[in-house]
Amino acid sequence: MTDATPSRQDAISSLEQDVGRLVRTARRVVAKNADAFDAGMQPTTYLVLRTIVRRQPVRPADIATETGMDKSFVSRQLKLLAEAGFVVSVANDSDGRVRAFSATPEAQARLTAIRSATHERFGRALDAWSDDDVVRFAQLLSTFNDEVTIL
């Protein structure tokens, strides 16, 4: 190892700092997307909606588990989204007391447009990267997230 090569510990320290920066960036992106979806929408409400679109129909308990939010908080967000006309709920076939939520077509269309704009912004940020580097970064980040999640 040369002096110019960082040690594993140095790299882990740098990673810790950069993950913090990535989290702050992700929060800004979510806040911007929430406001673009519906002026004044809270980022947490947007995250609940994104989870619904990805997993629909989905039960509130599953949303809480996936997002790490409290069930009562998720229930309040679902109420806001339903009142705004962005989600609908249906009774579970096997247990009518359990509700599952899906996004309305309008909400899905808005999210599709926002995701497209976000992909364009990410694409511009990675313009100088080779295709191989982008693919490898995506793979490494996914693996890292999987490993950190199990800690």
N, C-alpha and C. Protein backbone atom coordinates (compact mmCIF):
# COMPACT_ATOMS: atom_id res chain seq x y z
N MET A 1 0.85 -1.19 0.00
CA MET A 1 0.00 0.00 0.00
C MET A 1 0.88 1.24 0.00
N THR A 2 0.57 2.17 -0.87
CA THR A 2 1.32 3.41 -0.92
C THR A 2 0.62 4.46 -0.08
N ASP A 3 1.32 5.57 0.17
CA ASP A 3 0.72 6.65 0.94
C ASP A 3 -0.49 7.25 0.23
N ALA A 4 -0.52 7.17 -1.10
CA ALA A 4 -1.62 7.75 -1.87
C ALA A 4 -2.88 6.88 -1.82
N THR A 5 -2.74 5.63 -1.45
CA THR A 5 -3.88 4.72 -1.39
C THR A 5 -4.52 4.79 -0.01
N PRO A 6 -5.79 5.16 0.04
CA PRO A 6 -6.43 5.24 1.36
C PRO A 6 -6.61 3.85 1.97
N SER A 7 -6.52 3.78 3.27
CA SER A 7 -6.74 2.52 3.95
C SER A 7 -8.23 2.19 3.92
N ARG A 8 -8.54 0.96 4.23
CA ARG A 8 -9.94 0.54 4.32
C ARG A 8 -10.68 1.41 5.34
N GLN A 9 -10.05 1.68 6.49
CA GLN A 9 -10.68 2.50 7.52
C GLN A 9 -10.92 3.92 7.02
N ASP A 10 -9.94 4.48 6.30
CA ASP A 10 -10.12 5.82 5.72
C ASP A 10 -11.30 5.82 4.74
N ALA A 11 -11.39 4.77 3.93
CA ALA A 11 -12.47 4.67 2.95
C ALA A 11 -13.82 4.54 3.65
N ILE A 12 -13.87 3.77 4.74
CA ILE A 12 -15.12 3.62 5.48
C ILE A 12 -15.52 4.94 6.12
N SER A 13 -14.55 5.69 6.64
CA SER A 13 -14.84 7.01 7.21
C SER A 13 -15.39 7.95 6.14
N SER A 14 -14.76 7.92 4.98
CA SER A 14 -15.23 8.74 3.87
C SER A 14 -16.63 8.32 3.45
N LEU A 15 -16.86 7.01 3.41
CA LEU A 15 -18.17 6.49 3.04
C LEU A 15 -19.23 6.98 4.02
N GLU A 16 -18.91 6.96 5.30
CA GLU A 16 -19.87 7.43 6.31
C GLU A 16 -20.27 8.88 6.04
N GLN A 17 -19.28 9.72 5.74
CA GLN A 17 -19.58 11.13 5.46
C GLN A 17 -20.39 11.27 4.17
N ASP A 18 -20.01 10.52 3.16
CA ASP A 18 -20.71 10.63 1.88
C ASP A 18 -22.12 10.06 1.93
N VAL A 19 -22.34 9.05 2.74
CA VAL A 19 -23.70 8.54 2.92
C VAL A 19 -24.56 9.63 3.56
N GLY A 20 -24.00 10.34 4.52
CA GLY A 20 -24.73 11.46 5.12
C GLY A 20 -25.10 12.51 4.09
N ARG A 21 -24.16 12.83 3.20
CA ARG A 21 -24.45 13.78 2.12
C ARG A 21 -25.52 13.24 1.19
N LEU A 22 -25.45 11.93 0.90
CA LEU A 22 -26.45 11.31 0.02
C LEU A 22 -27.84 11.36 0.66
N VAL A 23 -27.91 11.12 1.95
CA VAL A 23 -29.20 11.19 2.65
C VAL A 23 -29.77 12.60 2.57
N ARG A 24 -28.93 13.60 2.78
CA ARG A 24 -29.41 14.99 2.69
C ARG A 24 -29.88 15.31 1.28
N THR A 25 -29.16 14.83 0.29
CA THR A 25 -29.56 15.04 -1.10
C THR A 25 -30.89 14.34 -1.38
N ALA A 26 -31.02 13.11 -0.90
CA ALA A 26 -32.26 12.36 -1.11
C ALA A 26 -33.44 13.08 -0.46
N ARG A 27 -33.24 13.62 0.72
CA ARG A 27 -34.31 14.37 1.38
C ARG A 27 -34.73 15.58 0.55
N ARG A 28 -33.75 16.29 -0.03
CA ARG A 28 -34.08 17.45 -0.86
C ARG A 28 -34.85 17.01 -2.11
N VAL A 29 -34.44 15.90 -2.71
CA VAL A 29 -35.13 15.40 -3.90
C VAL A 29 -36.56 15.02 -3.56
N VAL A 30 -36.75 14.32 -2.45
CA VAL A 30 -38.10 13.92 -2.05
C VAL A 30 -38.96 15.15 -1.76
N ALA A 31 -38.40 16.12 -1.06
CA ALA A 31 -39.16 17.35 -0.75
C ALA A 31 -39.55 18.08 -2.04
N LYS A 32 -38.61 18.17 -2.97
CA LYS A 32 -38.89 18.83 -4.25
C LYS A 32 -39.96 18.06 -5.03
N ASN A 33 -39.86 16.75 -5.05
CA ASN A 33 -40.83 15.93 -5.76
C ASN A 33 -42.21 16.00 -5.11
N ALA A 34 -42.24 16.02 -3.78
CA ALA A 34 -43.52 16.12 -3.07
C ALA A 34 -44.22 17.42 -3.45
N ASP A 35 -43.47 18.52 -3.45
CA ASP A 35 -44.04 19.81 -3.78
C ASP A 35 -44.46 19.87 -5.26
N ALA A 36 -43.70 19.20 -6.13
CA ALA A 36 -44.07 19.15 -7.54
C ALA A 36 -45.33 18.32 -7.74
N PHE A 37 -45.49 17.29 -6.93
CA PHE A 37 -46.68 16.45 -7.03
C PHE A 37 -47.93 17.22 -6.64
N ASP A 38 -47.84 17.93 -5.51
CA ASP A 38 -48.97 18.71 -5.01
C ASP A 38 -48.40 19.79 -4.09
N ALA A 39 -48.54 21.04 -4.47
CA ALA A 39 -47.94 22.14 -3.70
C ALA A 39 -48.26 22.00 -2.21
N GLY A 40 -47.20 22.02 -1.43
CA GLY A 40 -47.35 21.94 0.02
C GLY A 40 -47.39 20.53 0.57
N MET A 41 -47.35 19.51 -0.30
CA MET A 41 -47.37 18.13 0.19
C MET A 41 -46.11 17.86 1.02
N GLN A 42 -46.29 17.22 2.14
CA GLN A 42 -45.16 16.87 2.99
C GLN A 42 -44.39 15.70 2.37
N PRO A 43 -43.07 15.69 2.52
CA PRO A 43 -42.27 14.59 1.97
C PRO A 43 -42.71 13.21 2.48
N THR A 44 -43.11 13.12 3.73
CA THR A 44 -43.53 11.81 4.25
C THR A 44 -44.81 11.32 3.57
N THR A 45 -45.71 12.24 3.26
CA THR A 45 -46.93 11.87 2.55
C THR A 45 -46.58 11.37 1.16
N TYR A 46 -45.63 12.03 0.53
CA TYR A 46 -45.16 11.61 -0.80
C TYR A 46 -44.55 10.21 -0.74
N LEU A 47 -43.76 9.94 0.31
CA LEU A 47 -43.15 8.62 0.45
C LEU A 47 -44.21 7.53 0.64
N VAL A 48 -45.26 7.84 1.38
CA VAL A 48 -46.36 6.89 1.53
C VAL A 48 -47.00 6.62 0.17
N LEU A 49 -47.25 7.68 -0.59
CA LEU A 49 -47.86 7.53 -1.90
C LEU A 49 -46.97 6.72 -2.84
N ARG A 50 -45.68 7.01 -2.83
CA ARG A 50 -44.75 6.24 -3.67
C ARG A 50 -44.78 4.76 -3.33
N THR A 51 -44.87 4.46 -2.04
CA THR A 51 -44.94 3.07 -1.60
C THR A 51 -46.22 2.42 -2.11
N ILE A 52 -47.32 3.14 -2.05
CA ILE A 52 -48.59 2.62 -2.55
C ILE A 52 -48.49 2.30 -4.03
N VAL A 53 -47.95 3.22 -4.81
CA VAL A 53 -47.84 3.01 -6.25
C VAL A 53 -46.97 1.80 -6.56
N ARG A 54 -45.91 1.64 -5.82
CA ARG A 54 -44.98 0.53 -6.07
C ARG A 54 -45.58 -0.82 -5.66
N ARG A 55 -46.43 -0.85 -4.62
CA ARG A 55 -46.87 -2.13 -4.06
C ARG A 55 -48.37 -2.37 -4.14
N GLN A 56 -49.10 -1.51 -4.80
CA GLN A 56 -50.56 -1.56 -4.75
C GLN A 56 -51.16 -2.86 -5.25
N PRO A 57 -52.29 -3.24 -4.67
CA PRO A 57 -52.88 -2.68 -3.45
C PRO A 57 -52.05 -3.09 -2.24
N VAL A 58 -51.98 -2.18 -1.28
CA VAL A 58 -51.11 -2.43 -0.12
C VAL A 58 -51.82 -2.03 1.16
N ARG A 59 -51.60 -2.82 2.20
CA ARG A 59 -52.21 -2.56 3.50
C ARG A 59 -51.41 -1.51 4.26
N PRO A 60 -52.07 -0.74 5.11
CA PRO A 60 -51.36 0.26 5.91
C PRO A 60 -50.21 -0.33 6.73
N ALA A 61 -50.39 -1.50 7.28
CA ALA A 61 -49.32 -2.12 8.07
C ALA A 61 -48.08 -2.39 7.21
N ASP A 62 -48.29 -2.77 5.97
CA ASP A 62 -47.16 -3.02 5.07
C ASP A 62 -46.45 -1.72 4.69
N ILE A 63 -47.24 -0.65 4.55
CA ILE A 63 -46.64 0.66 4.27
C ILE A 63 -45.78 1.08 5.46
N ALA A 64 -46.30 0.91 6.66
CA ALA A 64 -45.56 1.27 7.87
C ALA A 64 -44.26 0.49 7.96
N THR A 65 -44.32 -0.80 7.69
CA THR A 65 -43.12 -1.63 7.74
C THR A 65 -42.09 -1.18 6.71
N GLU A 66 -42.54 -0.95 5.48
CA GLU A 66 -41.59 -0.58 4.42
C GLU A 66 -40.97 0.79 4.64
N THR A 67 -41.76 1.73 5.13
CA THR A 67 -41.25 3.10 5.28
C THR A 67 -40.61 3.35 6.64
N GLY A 68 -40.85 2.45 7.60
CA GLY A 68 -40.33 2.66 8.94
C GLY A 68 -41.13 3.70 9.72
N MET A 69 -42.32 4.01 9.24
CA MET A 69 -43.18 5.00 9.90
C MET A 69 -44.13 4.29 10.86
N ASP A 70 -44.58 5.02 11.86
CA ASP A 70 -45.56 4.53 12.81
C ASP A 70 -46.90 4.29 12.10
N LYS A 71 -47.60 3.21 12.49
CA LYS A 71 -48.88 2.88 11.84
C LYS A 71 -49.90 4.01 11.94
N SER A 72 -49.96 4.66 13.10
CA SER A 72 -50.94 5.75 13.23
C SER A 72 -50.56 6.93 12.34
N PHE A 73 -49.26 7.18 12.17
CA PHE A 73 -48.82 8.24 11.28
C PHE A 73 -49.19 7.89 9.83
N VAL A 74 -48.97 6.64 9.44
CA VAL A 74 -49.33 6.20 8.09
C VAL A 74 -50.83 6.36 7.88
N SER A 75 -51.62 6.03 8.88
CA SER A 75 -53.08 6.18 8.77
C SER A 75 -53.47 7.62 8.50
N ARG A 76 -52.80 8.55 9.18
CA ARG A 76 -53.10 9.97 8.95
C ARG A 76 -52.72 10.38 7.53
N GLN A 77 -51.59 9.89 7.03
CA GLN A 77 -51.17 10.21 5.67
C GLN A 77 -52.15 9.63 4.65
N LEU A 78 -52.62 8.42 4.92
CA LEU A 78 -53.59 7.80 4.02
C LEU A 78 -54.89 8.58 3.98
N LYS A 79 -55.30 9.09 5.12
CA LYS A 79 -56.51 9.90 5.18
C LYS A 79 -56.34 11.17 4.33
N LEU A 80 -55.18 11.83 4.47
CA LEU A 80 -54.91 13.03 3.67
C LEU A 80 -54.92 12.71 2.18
N LEU A 81 -54.27 11.62 1.81
CA LEU A 81 -54.20 11.24 0.40
C LEU A 81 -55.57 10.89 -0.15
N ALA A 82 -56.39 10.21 0.65
CA ALA A 82 -57.74 9.86 0.20
C ALA A 82 -58.60 11.11 0.05
N GLU A 83 -58.51 12.03 1.02
CA GLU A 83 -59.29 13.27 0.95
C GLU A 83 -58.89 14.11 -0.26
N ALA A 84 -57.64 14.03 -0.66
CA ALA A 84 -57.16 14.79 -1.82
C ALA A 84 -57.48 14.08 -3.13
N GLY A 85 -57.99 12.85 -3.04
CA GLY A 85 -58.35 12.11 -4.24
C GLY A 85 -57.19 11.38 -4.90
N PHE A 86 -56.12 11.13 -4.14
CA PHE A 86 -54.95 10.47 -4.72
C PHE A 86 -54.90 8.97 -4.48
N VAL A 87 -55.66 8.49 -3.50
CA VAL A 87 -55.72 7.05 -3.24
C VAL A 87 -57.15 6.62 -2.98
N VAL A 88 -57.38 5.34 -3.21
CA VAL A 88 -58.66 4.72 -2.87
C VAL A 88 -58.36 3.47 -2.07
N SER A 89 -59.33 3.06 -1.26
CA SER A 89 -59.13 1.84 -0.49
C SER A 89 -60.25 0.86 -0.78
N VAL A 90 -59.90 -0.40 -0.68
CA VAL A 90 -60.87 -1.48 -0.85
C VAL A 90 -60.69 -2.47 0.28
N ALA A 91 -61.77 -3.15 0.62
CA ALA A 91 -61.70 -4.17 1.67
C ALA A 91 -60.94 -5.38 1.14
N ASN A 92 -60.21 -6.01 2.03
CA ASN A 92 -59.49 -7.23 1.71
C ASN A 92 -60.51 -8.35 1.48
N ASP A 93 -60.28 -9.16 0.45
CA ASP A 93 -61.22 -10.24 0.13
C ASP A 93 -61.38 -11.22 1.29
N SER A 94 -60.28 -11.53 1.97
CA SER A 94 -60.35 -12.54 3.04
C SER A 94 -60.77 -11.96 4.39
N ASP A 95 -60.60 -10.66 4.58
CA ASP A 95 -60.97 -10.02 5.85
C ASP A 95 -61.42 -8.60 5.56
N GLY A 96 -62.72 -8.39 5.54
CA GLY A 96 -63.29 -7.10 5.17
C GLY A 96 -62.89 -5.96 6.08
N ARG A 97 -62.37 -6.25 7.28
CA ARG A 97 -61.94 -5.20 8.19
C ARG A 97 -60.62 -4.57 7.75
N VAL A 98 -59.85 -5.31 6.98
CA VAL A 98 -58.53 -4.85 6.53
C VAL A 98 -58.70 -4.13 5.19
N ARG A 99 -58.15 -2.92 5.11
CA ARG A 99 -58.22 -2.13 3.89
C ARG A 99 -56.89 -2.20 3.15
N ALA A 100 -56.96 -2.16 1.85
CA ALA A 100 -55.76 -2.08 1.01
C ALA A 100 -55.91 -0.83 0.15
N PHE A 101 -54.81 -0.14 -0.09
CA PHE A 101 -54.84 1.14 -0.80
C PHE A 101 -54.16 1.04 -2.15
N SER A 102 -54.75 1.76 -3.11
CA SER A 102 -54.19 1.90 -4.45
C SER A 102 -54.24 3.37 -4.84
N ALA A 103 -53.35 3.74 -5.73
CA ALA A 103 -53.33 5.12 -6.23
C ALA A 103 -54.36 5.30 -7.32
N THR A 104 -54.89 6.50 -7.40
CA THR A 104 -55.82 6.83 -8.48
C THR A 104 -55.02 7.00 -9.77
N PRO A 105 -55.68 6.91 -10.91
CA PRO A 105 -54.98 7.14 -12.18
C PRO A 105 -54.28 8.51 -12.22
N GLU A 106 -54.92 9.53 -11.68
CA GLU A 106 -54.29 10.86 -11.67
C GLU A 106 -53.00 10.85 -10.87
N ALA A 107 -53.02 10.22 -9.70
CA ALA A 107 -51.82 10.16 -8.86
C ALA A 107 -50.72 9.38 -9.58
N GLN A 108 -51.09 8.30 -10.22
CA GLN A 108 -50.09 7.50 -10.94
C GLN A 108 -49.47 8.30 -12.09
N ALA A 109 -50.29 9.06 -12.79
CA ALA A 109 -49.79 9.87 -13.91
C ALA A 109 -48.83 10.95 -13.39
N ARG A 110 -49.21 11.60 -12.30
CA ARG A 110 -48.33 12.63 -11.73
C ARG A 110 -47.00 12.02 -11.28
N LEU A 111 -47.06 10.87 -10.63
CA LEU A 111 -45.82 10.24 -10.17
C LEU A 111 -44.95 9.81 -11.35
N THR A 112 -45.56 9.33 -12.40
CA THR A 112 -44.80 8.94 -13.59
C THR A 112 -44.06 10.15 -14.16
N ALA A 113 -44.72 11.29 -14.23
CA ALA A 113 -44.08 12.51 -14.75
C ALA A 113 -42.93 12.95 -13.83
N ILE A 114 -43.14 12.87 -12.54
CA ILE A 114 -42.10 13.29 -11.59
C ILE A 114 -40.91 12.34 -11.66
N ARG A 115 -41.18 11.05 -11.74
CA ARG A 115 -40.08 10.08 -11.84
C ARG A 115 -39.27 10.31 -13.12
N SER A 116 -39.96 10.63 -14.21
CA SER A 116 -39.27 10.90 -15.47
C SER A 116 -38.35 12.11 -15.33
N ALA A 117 -38.84 13.17 -14.71
CA ALA A 117 -38.01 14.37 -14.50
C ALA A 117 -36.83 14.07 -13.57
N THR A 118 -37.06 13.25 -12.55
CA THR A 118 -35.98 12.88 -11.63
C THR A 118 -34.93 12.05 -12.36
N HIS A 119 -35.37 11.12 -13.19
CA HIS A 119 -34.43 10.31 -13.98
C HIS A 119 -33.59 11.20 -14.89
N GLU A 120 -34.21 12.20 -15.48
CA GLU A 120 -33.46 13.13 -16.33
C GLU A 120 -32.40 13.87 -15.53
N ARG A 121 -32.75 14.35 -14.33
CA ARG A 121 -31.78 15.07 -13.48
C ARG A 121 -30.64 14.14 -13.08
N PHE A 122 -30.97 12.91 -12.69
CA PHE A 122 -29.92 11.95 -12.32
C PHE A 122 -29.05 11.64 -13.54
N GLY A 123 -29.69 11.51 -14.69
CA GLY A 123 -28.94 11.24 -15.91
C GLY A 123 -27.95 12.34 -16.22
N ARG A 124 -28.37 13.60 -16.05
CA ARG A 124 -27.46 14.74 -16.29
C ARG A 124 -26.30 14.71 -15.28
N ALA A 125 -26.59 14.33 -14.04
CA ALA A 125 -25.54 14.28 -13.02
C ALA A 125 -24.51 13.20 -13.35
N LEU A 126 -24.93 12.19 -14.12
CA LEU A 126 -24.03 11.07 -14.45
C LEU A 126 -23.54 11.12 -15.89
N ASP A 127 -23.77 12.24 -16.58
CA ASP A 127 -23.38 12.35 -17.98
C ASP A 127 -21.91 12.03 -18.24
N ALA A 128 -21.03 12.42 -17.36
CA ALA A 128 -19.59 12.20 -17.57
C ALA A 128 -19.17 10.77 -17.23
N TRP A 129 -20.05 9.99 -16.67
CA TRP A 129 -19.71 8.62 -16.30
C TRP A 129 -19.92 7.69 -17.48
N SER A 130 -19.13 6.64 -17.55
CA SER A 130 -19.33 5.61 -18.58
C SER A 130 -20.56 4.79 -18.21
N ASP A 131 -21.14 4.14 -19.20
CA ASP A 131 -22.29 3.27 -18.94
C ASP A 131 -21.91 2.19 -17.93
N ASP A 132 -20.72 1.62 -18.08
CA ASP A 132 -20.26 0.58 -17.16
C ASP A 132 -20.17 1.10 -15.73
N ASP A 133 -19.67 2.33 -15.57
CA ASP A 133 -19.57 2.92 -14.23
C ASP A 133 -20.93 3.15 -13.60
N VAL A 134 -21.89 3.61 -14.41
CA VAL A 134 -23.25 3.83 -13.90
C VAL A 134 -23.86 2.51 -13.46
N VAL A 135 -23.73 1.48 -14.28
CA VAL A 135 -24.28 0.16 -13.95
C VAL A 135 -23.61 -0.38 -12.69
N ARG A 136 -22.30 -0.27 -12.61
CA ARG A 136 -21.57 -0.79 -11.45
C ARG A 136 -21.93 -0.01 -10.19
N PHE A 137 -22.04 1.31 -10.28
CA PHE A 137 -22.43 2.12 -9.13
C PHE A 137 -23.81 1.71 -8.63
N ALA A 138 -24.76 1.53 -9.55
CA ALA A 138 -26.11 1.11 -9.16
C ALA A 138 -26.07 -0.24 -8.46
N GLN A 139 -25.26 -1.16 -8.98
CA GLN A 139 -25.15 -2.48 -8.35
C GLN A 139 -24.53 -2.38 -6.96
N LEU A 140 -23.45 -1.61 -6.85
CA LEU A 140 -22.77 -1.47 -5.55
C LEU A 140 -23.66 -0.78 -4.53
N LEU A 141 -24.38 0.26 -4.95
CA LEU A 141 -25.26 0.97 -4.03
C LEU A 141 -26.39 0.05 -3.56
N SER A 142 -26.94 -0.74 -4.47
CA SER A 142 -28.00 -1.68 -4.10
C SER A 142 -27.48 -2.71 -3.11
N THR A 143 -26.32 -3.25 -3.37
CA THR A 143 -25.71 -4.22 -2.46
C THR A 143 -25.44 -3.60 -1.10
N PHE A 144 -24.89 -2.38 -1.11
CA PHE A 144 -24.62 -1.68 0.15
C PHE A 144 -25.91 -1.48 0.94
N ASN A 145 -26.97 -1.02 0.26
CA ASN A 145 -28.25 -0.82 0.95
C ASN A 145 -28.80 -2.12 1.52
N ASP A 146 -28.67 -3.21 0.77
CA ASP A 146 -29.13 -4.51 1.28
C ASP A 146 -28.36 -4.91 2.53
N GLU A 147 -27.06 -4.69 2.53
CA GLU A 147 -26.24 -5.07 3.68
C GLU A 147 -26.51 -4.18 4.89
N VAL A 148 -26.66 -2.89 4.66
CA VAL A 148 -26.90 -1.96 5.78
C VAL A 148 -28.28 -2.22 6.38
N THR A 149 -29.24 -2.59 5.55
CA THR A 149 -30.60 -2.84 6.02
C THR A 149 -30.64 -4.00 7.01
N ILE A 150 -29.78 -4.98 6.86
CA ILE A 150 -29.82 -6.13 7.75
C ILE A 150 -29.05 -5.93 9.04
N LEU A 151 -28.38 -4.79 9.20
CA LEU A 151 -27.64 -4.52 10.43
C LEU A 151 -28.55 -4.30 11.60
